[in-house]
Amino acid sequence: MSFQPIVPLGGVAGWEFLKRTRARQESSFTASPAMARLTQDFARDFAKLRSADDLVGNRQVLSVVLGAYGLQADIDNRAFIKKVITDGIDTPQALANRLADKRYLAMAREMAHLAPGGGSTPSPDQAPALLARFQAMSFEVAVGNSNDSMRLALAFERKLPEIAASARSETARWFSVLGDPPTRRVLETALGLPKEFTSLDIDEQLQRLRAASQKRFGTDSIAELVEPERLDQMTQRFLIMDQLRGSQAGMSGAAIALSLLSPAR
């Protein structure tokens, strides 16, 4: 029987509970028999891979690789995953470079040794790093089975520092935010951006997102946004706004207006 993380509350209160108990819950989750069975042979089998065909032909290894990037829904899209890897990342025409979701690019970069001419042999630390990432991502997914907002909050606090640590320009970092669906959703919700925002030209989205960040959080620098106090502020605001949107979704327009106009007691 697998361990299911406990999230008894929603919103900020639930987030504080999860933060207090996370280390213990994550340890129990990683040690569960289901997780142990899935990962025990990964390092050995991953080292045997020599091509993209080898990867997509081993469902267990593929599930770990995809899960490490939050792409587990593509487990049956083997031809697509093979194309992402075999195209490589060195040309603008490569599939991974053309996809809006940059998680595929990150995976293709990690699996570059399986692309034609890639050398075919993984580095010694590659399997342990993938496995650790898979376990962390799987814990987030398990949390999401109880509360999807908490999954997004965990993913956000993991991914935004990764983006900040990348040796790229500030503009490139913001494009990485837009290219990572969970990170993007958290920021858009925290900043109160409307659904119509996603229909704008990508450069206009970038400009508005940075302007909204500057106005709400006092900076449009990713490096500054990942400072502990600001990161916590963004996460909490996301949870508050997400909970508010959820409660309003079941209300009529008149009821929402009445709730906003009614004096606090």
C-alpha atoms as a PDB file:
ATOM      1  CA  MET A   1       0.000   0.000   0.000  1.00  0.00           C
ATOM      2  CA  SER A   2       1.421   3.390  -0.979  1.00  0.00           C
ATOM      3  CA  PHE A   3       1.681   6.298   1.439  1.00  0.00           C
ATOM      4  CA  GLN A   4      -0.753   9.128   0.699  1.00  0.00           C
ATOM      5  CA  PRO A   5       0.369  12.554   1.974  1.00  0.00           C
ATOM      6  CA  ILE A   6      -2.062  14.216   4.370  1.00  0.00           C
ATOM      7  CA  VAL A   7      -3.362  17.721   3.661  1.00  0.00           C
ATOM      8  CA  PRO A   8      -6.274  18.247   6.077  1.00  0.00           C
ATOM      9  CA  LEU A   9      -6.932  21.886   5.193  1.00  0.00           C
ATOM     10  CA  GLY A  10      -6.882  24.173   2.180  1.00  0.00           C
ATOM     11  CA  GLY A  11      -5.504  27.668   1.806  1.00  0.00           C
ATOM     12  CA  VAL A  12      -2.740  29.182   3.916  1.00  0.00           C
ATOM     13  CA  ALA A  13      -3.563  27.065   6.986  1.00  0.00           C
ATOM     14  CA  GLY A  14      -3.158  23.875   4.976  1.00  0.00           C
ATOM     15  CA  TRP A  15       0.090  25.181   3.479  1.00  0.00           C
ATOM     16  CA  GLU A  16       1.548  25.881   6.915  1.00  0.00           C
ATOM     17  CA  PHE A  17       0.604  22.362   8.032  1.00  0.00           C
ATOM     18  CA  LEU A  18       2.224  20.861   4.940  1.00  0.00           C
ATOM     19  CA  LYS A  19       5.433  22.832   5.465  1.00  0.00           C
ATOM     20  CA  ARG A  20       5.660  21.662   9.089  1.00  0.00           C
ATOM     21  CA  THR A  21       5.129  18.008   8.229  1.00  0.00           C
ATOM     22  CA  ARG A  22       6.689  17.857   4.777  1.00  0.00           C
ATOM     23  CA  ALA A  23      10.040  16.280   5.678  1.00  0.00           C
ATOM     24  CA  ARG A  24       8.384  13.454   7.600  1.00  0.00           C
ATOM     25  CA  GLN A  25       5.672  12.885   5.012  1.00  0.00           C
ATOM     26  CA  GLU A  26       8.092  12.974   2.084  1.00  0.00           C
ATOM     27  CA  SER A  27      10.375  10.478   3.805  1.00  0.00           C
ATOM     28  CA  SER A  28       7.463   8.089   4.384  1.00  0.00           C
ATOM     29  CA  PHE A  29       6.333   8.503   0.780  1.00  0.00           C
ATOM     30  CA  THR A  30       9.782   7.774  -0.667  1.00  0.00           C
ATOM     31  CA  ALA A  31      10.168   4.705   1.554  1.00  0.00           C
ATOM     32  CA  SER A  32       6.774   3.253   0.609  1.00  0.00           C
ATOM     33  CA  PRO A  33       6.823  -0.171  -1.101  1.00  0.00           C
ATOM     34  CA  ALA A  34       5.234   1.176  -4.290  1.00  0.00           C
ATOM     35  CA  MET A  35       7.930   3.822  -4.723  1.00  0.00           C
ATOM     36  CA  ALA A  36      10.699   1.389  -3.793  1.00  0.00           C
ATOM     37  CA  ARG A  37       9.562  -1.123  -6.426  1.00  0.00           C
ATOM     38  CA  LEU A  38       9.446   1.531  -9.111  1.00  0.00           C
ATOM     39  CA  THR A  39      12.865   2.981  -8.434  1.00  0.00           C
ATOM     40  CA  GLN A  40      15.011   0.089  -7.183  1.00  0.00           C
ATOM     41  CA  ASP A  41      16.174  -1.004 -10.640  1.00  0.00           C
ATOM     42  CA  PHE A  42      16.205   2.423 -12.302  1.00  0.00           C
ATOM     43  CA  ALA A  43      19.933   3.170 -12.038  1.00  0.00           C
ATOM     44  CA  ARG A  44      20.878  -0.218 -13.499  1.00  0.00           C
ATOM     45  CA  ASP A  45      18.371  -0.072 -16.361  1.00  0.00           C
ATOM     46  CA  PHE A  46      19.001   3.597 -17.168  1.00  0.00           C
ATOM     47  CA  ALA A  47      22.716   2.893 -17.615  1.00  0.00           C
ATOM     48  CA  LYS A  48      21.874   0.322 -20.298  1.00  0.00           C
ATOM     49  CA  LEU A  49      20.051   2.813 -22.520  1.00  0.00           C
ATOM     50  CA  ARG A  50      21.825   3.662 -25.767  1.00  0.00           C
ATOM     51  CA  SER A  51      19.078   5.294 -27.830  1.00  0.00           C
ATOM     52  CA  ALA A  52      15.679   6.962 -27.660  1.00  0.00           C
ATOM     53  CA  ASP A  53      14.198   3.643 -28.808  1.00  0.00           C
ATOM     54  CA  ASP A  54      15.693   1.969 -25.737  1.00  0.00           C
ATOM     55  CA  LEU A  55      14.115   4.607 -23.496  1.00  0.00           C
ATOM     56  CA  VAL A  56      10.590   4.496 -24.907  1.00  0.00           C
ATOM     57  CA  GLY A  57      10.803   0.697 -25.004  1.00  0.00           C
ATOM     58  CA  ASN A  58      11.303   0.452 -21.232  1.00  0.00           C
ATOM     59  CA  ARG A  59       8.082   1.646 -19.619  1.00  0.00           C
ATOM     60  CA  GLN A  60       9.433   1.664 -16.065  1.00  0.00           C
ATOM     61  CA  VAL A  61      12.491   3.761 -16.915  1.00  0.00           C
ATOM     62  CA  LEU A  62      10.394   6.025 -19.135  1.00  0.00           C
ATOM     63  CA  SER A  63       7.925   6.610 -16.295  1.00  0.00           C
ATOM     64  CA  VAL A  64      10.741   7.847 -14.056  1.00  0.00           C
ATOM     65  CA  VAL A  65      12.259  10.100 -16.729  1.00  0.00           C
ATOM     66  CA  LEU A  66       8.903  11.644 -17.645  1.00  0.00           C
ATOM     67  CA  GLY A  67       7.867  11.923 -14.009  1.00  0.00           C
ATOM     68  CA  ALA A  68      11.060  13.804 -13.224  1.00  0.00           C
ATOM     69  CA  TYR A  69       9.804  16.615 -15.470  1.00  0.00           C
ATOM     70  CA  GLY A  70       6.114  16.464 -14.640  1.00  0.00           C
ATOM     71  CA  LEU A  71       5.360  14.865 -18.004  1.00  0.00           C
ATOM     72  CA  GLN A  72       3.973  11.561 -16.724  1.00  0.00           C
ATOM     73  CA  ALA A  73       0.778  12.079 -18.746  1.00  0.00           C
ATOM     74  CA  ASP A  74       2.857  11.368 -21.877  1.00  0.00           C
ATOM     75  CA  ILE A  75       3.744   7.822 -20.823  1.00  0.00           C
ATOM     76  CA  ASP A  76       1.787   6.375 -23.782  1.00  0.00           C
ATOM     77  CA  ASN A  77       2.928   9.022 -26.301  1.00  0.00           C
ATOM     78  CA  ARG A  78       6.071   7.100 -27.131  1.00  0.00           C
ATOM     79  CA  ALA A  79       6.461   8.292 -30.732  1.00  0.00           C
ATOM     80  CA  PHE A  80       6.158  11.901 -29.592  1.00  0.00           C
ATOM     81  CA  ILE A  81       8.725  11.480 -26.802  1.00  0.00           C
ATOM     82  CA  LYS A  82      11.098   9.721 -29.197  1.00  0.00           C
ATOM     83  CA  LYS A  83      10.798  12.646 -31.621  1.00  0.00           C
ATOM     84  CA  VAL A  84      11.495  15.175 -28.842  1.00  0.00           C
ATOM     85  CA  ILE A  85      14.717  13.344 -27.953  1.00  0.00           C
ATOM     86  CA  THR A  86      15.988  12.392 -31.411  1.00  0.00           C
ATOM     87  CA  ASP A  87      15.545  15.937 -32.721  1.00  0.00           C
ATOM     88  CA  GLY A  88      18.033  17.120 -30.101  1.00  0.00           C
ATOM     89  CA  ILE A  89      18.205  20.741 -28.980  1.00  0.00           C
ATOM     90  CA  ASP A  90      20.877  22.270 -31.217  1.00  0.00           C
ATOM     91  CA  THR A  91      18.682  23.721 -33.965  1.00  0.00           C
ATOM     92  CA  PRO A  92      15.681  26.088 -33.869  1.00  0.00           C
ATOM     93  CA  GLN A  93      13.736  23.488 -35.840  1.00  0.00           C
ATOM     94  CA  ALA A  94      14.144  20.832 -33.128  1.00  0.00           C
ATOM     95  CA  LEU A  95      10.764  19.879 -31.687  1.00  0.00           C
ATOM     96  CA  ALA A  96      11.769  20.640 -28.102  1.00  0.00           C
ATOM     97  CA  ASN A  97      12.722  24.192 -29.106  1.00  0.00           C
ATOM     98  CA  ARG A  98       9.397  24.738 -30.872  1.00  0.00           C
ATOM     99  CA  LEU A  99       7.138  23.533 -28.057  1.00  0.00           C
ATOM    100  CA  ALA A 100       5.728  26.233 -25.767  1.00  0.00           C
ATOM    101  CA  ASP A 101       6.009  23.927 -22.738  1.00  0.00           C
ATOM    102  CA  LYS A 102       9.715  24.101 -21.924  1.00  0.00           C
ATOM    103  CA  ARG A 103       9.618  21.031 -19.715  1.00  0.00           C
ATOM    104  CA  TYR A 104      10.125  19.071 -22.928  1.00  0.00           C
ATOM    105  CA  LEU A 105      13.230  21.112 -23.681  1.00  0.00           C
ATOM    106  CA  ALA A 106      14.598  20.382 -20.209  1.00  0.00           C
ATOM    107  CA  MET A 107      13.986  16.670 -20.705  1.00  0.00           C
ATOM    108  CA  ALA A 108      15.533  16.699 -24.193  1.00  0.00           C
ATOM    109  CA  ARG A 109      18.599  18.452 -22.809  1.00  0.00           C
ATOM    110  CA  GLU A 110      18.931  15.821 -20.069  1.00  0.00           C
ATOM    111  CA  MET A 111      18.468  12.976 -22.575  1.00  0.00           C
ATOM    112  CA  ALA A 112      20.809  14.508 -25.191  1.00  0.00           C
ATOM    113  CA  HIS A 113      23.139  11.511 -24.909  1.00  0.00           C
ATOM    114  CA  LEU A 114      20.382   9.373 -26.467  1.00  0.00           C
ATOM    115  CA  ALA A 115      19.980  11.623 -29.520  1.00  0.00           C
ATOM    116  CA  PRO A 116      21.862  10.688 -32.722  1.00  0.00           C
ATOM    117  CA  GLY A 117      25.505  11.622 -32.226  1.00  0.00           C
ATOM    118  CA  GLY A 118      24.951  12.242 -28.529  1.00  0.00           C
ATOM    119  CA  GLY A 119      27.467   9.691 -27.294  1.00  0.00           C
ATOM    120  CA  SER A 120      24.813   7.318 -25.852  1.00  0.00           C
ATOM    121  CA  THR A 121      26.498   6.989 -22.419  1.00  0.00           C
ATOM    122  CA  PRO A 122      25.009   8.849 -19.427  1.00  0.00           C
ATOM    123  CA  SER A 123      27.143  10.633 -16.855  1.00  0.00           C
ATOM    124  CA  PRO A 124      27.646   8.816 -13.511  1.00  0.00           C
ATOM    125  CA  ASP A 125      25.504  11.270 -11.552  1.00  0.00           C
ATOM    126  CA  GLN A 126      22.657  11.400 -14.067  1.00  0.00           C
ATOM    127  CA  ALA A 127      20.570   8.492 -12.771  1.00  0.00           C
ATOM    128  CA  PRO A 128      20.735   9.529  -9.073  1.00  0.00           C
ATOM    129  CA  ALA A 129      19.795  13.109  -9.978  1.00  0.00           C
ATOM    130  CA  LEU A 130      16.861  11.971 -12.122  1.00  0.00           C
ATOM    131  CA  LEU A 131      15.677   9.614  -9.422  1.00  0.00           C
ATOM    132  CA  ALA A 132      15.795  12.313  -6.737  1.00  0.00           C
ATOM    133  CA  ARG A 133      13.863  14.666  -9.002  1.00  0.00           C
ATOM    134  CA  PHE A 134      11.324  11.970  -9.807  1.00  0.00           C
ATOM    135  CA  GLN A 135      10.744  11.254  -6.124  1.00  0.00           C
ATOM    136  CA  ALA A 136      10.237  14.948  -5.352  1.00  0.00           C
ATOM    137  CA  MET A 137       7.871  15.392  -8.294  1.00  0.00           C
ATOM    138  CA  SER A 138       5.954  12.226  -7.389  1.00  0.00           C
ATOM    139  CA  PHE A 139       5.443  13.550  -3.871  1.00  0.00           C
ATOM    140  CA  GLU A 140       4.012  16.746  -5.356  1.00  0.00           C
ATOM    141  CA  VAL A 141       1.637  14.697  -7.525  1.00  0.00           C
ATOM    142  CA  ALA A 142       0.551  12.655  -4.493  1.00  0.00           C
ATOM    143  CA  VAL A 143      -0.127  15.865  -2.563  1.00  0.00           C
ATOM    144  CA  GLY A 144      -2.145  17.049  -5.550  1.00  0.00           C
ATOM    145  CA  ASN A 145      -4.390  14.009  -5.233  1.00  0.00           C
ATOM    146  CA  SER A 146      -5.584  15.567  -1.969  1.00  0.00           C
ATOM    147  CA  ASN A 147      -5.282  19.245  -2.892  1.00  0.00           C
ATOM    148  CA  ASP A 148      -4.109  20.418  -6.301  1.00  0.00           C
ATOM    149  CA  SER A 149      -3.392  23.952  -5.080  1.00  0.00           C
ATOM    150  CA  MET A 150      -0.822  22.530  -2.660  1.00  0.00           C
ATOM    151  CA  ARG A 151       0.792  20.617  -5.533  1.00  0.00           C
ATOM    152  CA  LEU A 152       1.128  23.836  -7.488  1.00  0.00           C
ATOM    153  CA  ALA A 153       2.553  25.658  -4.467  1.00  0.00           C
ATOM    154  CA  LEU A 154       5.185  22.945  -3.946  1.00  0.00           C
ATOM    155  CA  ALA A 155       6.089  22.958  -7.644  1.00  0.00           C
ATOM    156  CA  PHE A 156       6.357  26.744  -7.649  1.00  0.00           C
ATOM    157  CA  GLU A 157       8.716  26.896  -4.664  1.00  0.00           C
ATOM    158  CA  ARG A 158      10.893  24.227  -6.281  1.00  0.00           C
ATOM    159  CA  LYS A 159      10.933  25.555  -9.835  1.00  0.00           C
ATOM    160  CA  LEU A 160      11.275  29.325  -9.433  1.00  0.00           C
ATOM    161  CA  PRO A 161      14.666  29.054  -7.635  1.00  0.00           C
ATOM    162  CA  GLU A 162      15.818  26.698 -10.419  1.00  0.00           C
ATOM    163  CA  ILE A 163      14.917  29.352 -12.985  1.00  0.00           C
ATOM    164  CA  ALA A 164      16.639  32.057 -10.939  1.00  0.00           C
ATOM    165  CA  ALA A 165      19.822  29.972 -10.746  1.00  0.00           C
ATOM    166  CA  SER A 166      20.037  29.588 -14.508  1.00  0.00           C
ATOM    167  CA  ALA A 167      22.889  31.599 -16.041  1.00  0.00           C
ATOM    168  CA  ARG A 168      20.672  33.518 -18.446  1.00  0.00           C
ATOM    169  CA  SER A 169      19.312  37.023 -18.917  1.00  0.00           C
ATOM    170  CA  GLU A 170      16.367  38.260 -16.873  1.00  0.00           C
ATOM    171  CA  THR A 171      14.198  38.204 -19.982  1.00  0.00           C
ATOM    172  CA  ALA A 172      15.112  34.561 -20.636  1.00  0.00           C
ATOM    173  CA  ARG A 173      14.192  33.698 -17.053  1.00  0.00           C
ATOM    174  CA  TRP A 174      10.769  35.260 -17.471  1.00  0.00           C
ATOM    175  CA  PHE A 175      10.246  33.331 -20.685  1.00  0.00           C
ATOM    176  CA  SER A 176      11.107  30.194 -18.690  1.00  0.00           C
ATOM    177  CA  VAL A 177       8.358  31.126 -16.231  1.00  0.00           C
ATOM    178  CA  LEU A 178       5.883  31.462 -19.101  1.00  0.00           C
ATOM    179  CA  GLY A 179       7.070  28.115 -20.490  1.00  0.00           C
ATOM    180  CA  ASP A 180       6.505  26.161 -17.266  1.00  0.00           C
ATOM    181  CA  PRO A 181       2.743  25.623 -16.780  1.00  0.00           C
ATOM    182  CA  PRO A 182       2.673  25.162 -12.957  1.00  0.00           C
ATOM    183  CA  THR A 183       4.968  28.152 -12.292  1.00  0.00           C
ATOM    184  CA  ARG A 184       3.060  30.280 -14.751  1.00  0.00           C
ATOM    185  CA  ARG A 185      -0.311  29.428 -13.226  1.00  0.00           C
ATOM    186  CA  VAL A 186       0.824  30.253  -9.687  1.00  0.00           C
ATOM    187  CA  LEU A 187       2.193  33.645 -10.712  1.00  0.00           C
ATOM    188  CA  GLU A 188      -0.797  34.523 -12.885  1.00  0.00           C
ATOM    189  CA  THR A 189      -3.161  33.661 -10.032  1.00  0.00           C
ATOM    190  CA  ALA A 190      -1.090  35.458  -7.387  1.00  0.00           C
ATOM    191  CA  LEU A 191      -1.001  38.570  -9.563  1.00  0.00           C
ATOM    192  CA  GLY A 192      -4.721  38.417 -10.303  1.00  0.00           C
ATOM    193  CA  LEU A 193      -4.255  38.297 -14.069  1.00  0.00           C
ATOM    194  CA  PRO A 194      -7.428  37.547 -16.076  1.00  0.00           C
ATOM    195  CA  LYS A 195      -7.952  34.408 -18.155  1.00  0.00           C
ATOM    196  CA  GLU A 196      -7.723  36.540 -21.300  1.00  0.00           C
ATOM    197  CA  PHE A 197      -4.060  37.182 -20.461  1.00  0.00           C
ATOM    198  CA  THR A 198      -3.022  33.913 -22.125  1.00  0.00           C
ATOM    199  CA  SER A 199      -4.458  35.013 -25.483  1.00  0.00           C
ATOM    200  CA  LEU A 200      -2.054  37.960 -25.724  1.00  0.00           C
ATOM    201  CA  ASP A 201       1.096  37.952 -27.834  1.00  0.00           C
ATOM    202  CA  ILE A 202       3.927  36.295 -25.885  1.00  0.00           C
ATOM    203  CA  ASP A 203       5.978  39.497 -25.711  1.00  0.00           C
ATOM    204  CA  GLU A 204       2.940  41.376 -24.388  1.00  0.00           C
ATOM    205  CA  GLN A 205       2.417  38.651 -21.786  1.00  0.00           C
ATOM    206  CA  LEU A 206       6.015  39.031 -20.673  1.00  0.00           C
ATOM    207  CA  GLN A 207       5.728  42.801 -20.379  1.00  0.00           C
ATOM    208  CA  ARG A 208       2.482  42.682 -18.403  1.00  0.00           C
ATOM    209  CA  LEU A 209       3.684  39.897 -16.118  1.00  0.00           C
ATOM    210  CA  ARG A 210       6.827  41.822 -15.198  1.00  0.00           C
ATOM    211  CA  ALA A 211       4.868  45.041 -14.665  1.00  0.00           C
ATOM    212  CA  ALA A 212       2.354  43.263 -12.424  1.00  0.00           C
ATOM    213  CA  SER A 213       5.176  41.671 -10.426  1.00  0.00           C
ATOM    214  CA  GLN A 214       6.842  45.047  -9.944  1.00  0.00           C
ATOM    215  CA  LYS A 215       3.583  46.572  -8.736  1.00  0.00           C
ATOM    216  CA  ARG A 216       2.541  43.743  -6.407  1.00  0.00           C
ATOM    217  CA  PHE A 217       5.861  42.449  -5.058  1.00  0.00           C
ATOM    218  CA  GLY A 218       8.144  45.447  -5.550  1.00  0.00           C
ATOM    219  CA  THR A 219      10.444  43.856  -8.132  1.00  0.00           C
ATOM    220  CA  ASP A 220      10.459  42.188 -11.540  1.00  0.00           C
ATOM    221  CA  SER A 221      13.758  40.409 -10.893  1.00  0.00           C
ATOM    222  CA  ILE A 222      13.447  36.626 -10.609  1.00  0.00           C
ATOM    223  CA  ALA A 223      16.574  36.599  -8.426  1.00  0.00           C
ATOM    224  CA  GLU A 224      14.837  38.913  -5.952  1.00  0.00           C
ATOM    225  CA  LEU A 225      11.501  37.106  -6.142  1.00  0.00           C
ATOM    226  CA  VAL A 226      13.077  33.891  -4.836  1.00  0.00           C
ATOM    227  CA  GLU A 227      14.290  35.563  -1.656  1.00  0.00           C
ATOM    228  CA  PRO A 228      12.582  33.595   1.160  1.00  0.00           C
ATOM    229  CA  GLU A 229      10.254  36.368   2.323  1.00  0.00           C
ATOM    230  CA  ARG A 230       9.049  37.243  -1.179  1.00  0.00           C
ATOM    231  CA  LEU A 231       8.738  33.608  -2.233  1.00  0.00           C
ATOM    232  CA  ASP A 232       6.564  32.886   0.788  1.00  0.00           C
ATOM    233  CA  GLN A 233       4.527  36.032   0.099  1.00  0.00           C
ATOM    234  CA  MET A 234       3.876  34.939  -3.489  1.00  0.00           C
ATOM    235  CA  THR A 235       2.916  31.407  -2.475  1.00  0.00           C
ATOM    236  CA  GLN A 236       0.524  32.577   0.212  1.00  0.00           C
ATOM    237  CA  ARG A 237      -1.081  35.111  -2.112  1.00  0.00           C
ATOM    238  CA  PHE A 238      -1.560  32.389  -4.733  1.00  0.00           C
ATOM    239  CA  LEU A 239      -3.316  30.169  -2.195  1.00  0.00           C
ATOM    240  CA  ILE A 240      -5.566  33.009  -1.045  1.00  0.00           C
ATOM    241  CA  MET A 241      -6.465  34.089  -4.581  1.00  0.00           C
ATOM    242  CA  ASP A 242      -6.955  30.490  -5.732  1.00  0.00           C
ATOM    243  CA  GLN A 243      -9.262  29.767  -2.802  1.00  0.00           C
ATOM    244  CA  LEU A 244     -11.191  32.975  -3.498  1.00  0.00           C
ATOM    245  CA  ARG A 245     -11.627  32.080  -7.164  1.00  0.00           C
ATOM    246  CA  GLY A 246     -12.789  28.614  -6.186  1.00  0.00           C
ATOM    247  CA  SER A 247     -15.416  29.963  -3.811  1.00  0.00           C
ATOM    248  CA  GLN A 248     -16.636  32.502  -6.362  1.00  0.00           C
ATOM    249  CA  ALA A 249     -16.902  29.889  -9.107  1.00  0.00           C
ATOM    250  CA  GLY A 250     -19.997  28.452  -7.459  1.00  0.00           C
ATOM    251  CA  MET A 251     -21.624  31.832  -6.841  1.00  0.00           C
ATOM    252  CA  SER A 252     -23.847  33.861  -9.116  1.00  0.00           C
ATOM    253  CA  GLY A 253     -22.755  37.307 -10.259  1.00  0.00           C
ATOM    254  CA  ALA A 254     -25.273  38.906  -7.894  1.00  0.00           C
ATOM    255  CA  ALA A 255     -24.024  36.856  -4.944  1.00  0.00           C
ATOM    256  CA  ILE A 256     -20.405  37.833  -5.657  1.00  0.00           C
ATOM    257  CA  ALA A 257     -21.354  41.499  -5.869  1.00  0.00           C
ATOM    258  CA  LEU A 258     -23.307  41.245  -2.619  1.00  0.00           C
ATOM    259  CA  SER A 259     -20.391  39.546  -0.839  1.00  0.00           C
ATOM    260  CA  LEU A 260     -18.019  42.281  -1.973  1.00  0.00           C
ATOM    261  CA  LEU A 261     -20.387  45.079  -0.951  1.00  0.00           C
ATOM    262  CA  SER A 262     -21.400  43.605   2.397  1.00  0.00           C
ATOM    263  CA  PRO A 263     -19.607  45.170   5.397  1.00  0.00           C
ATOM    264  CA  ALA A 264     -17.217  42.961   7.334  1.00  0.00           C
ATOM    265  CA  ARG A 265     -18.469  41.780  10.736  1.00  0.00           C
END
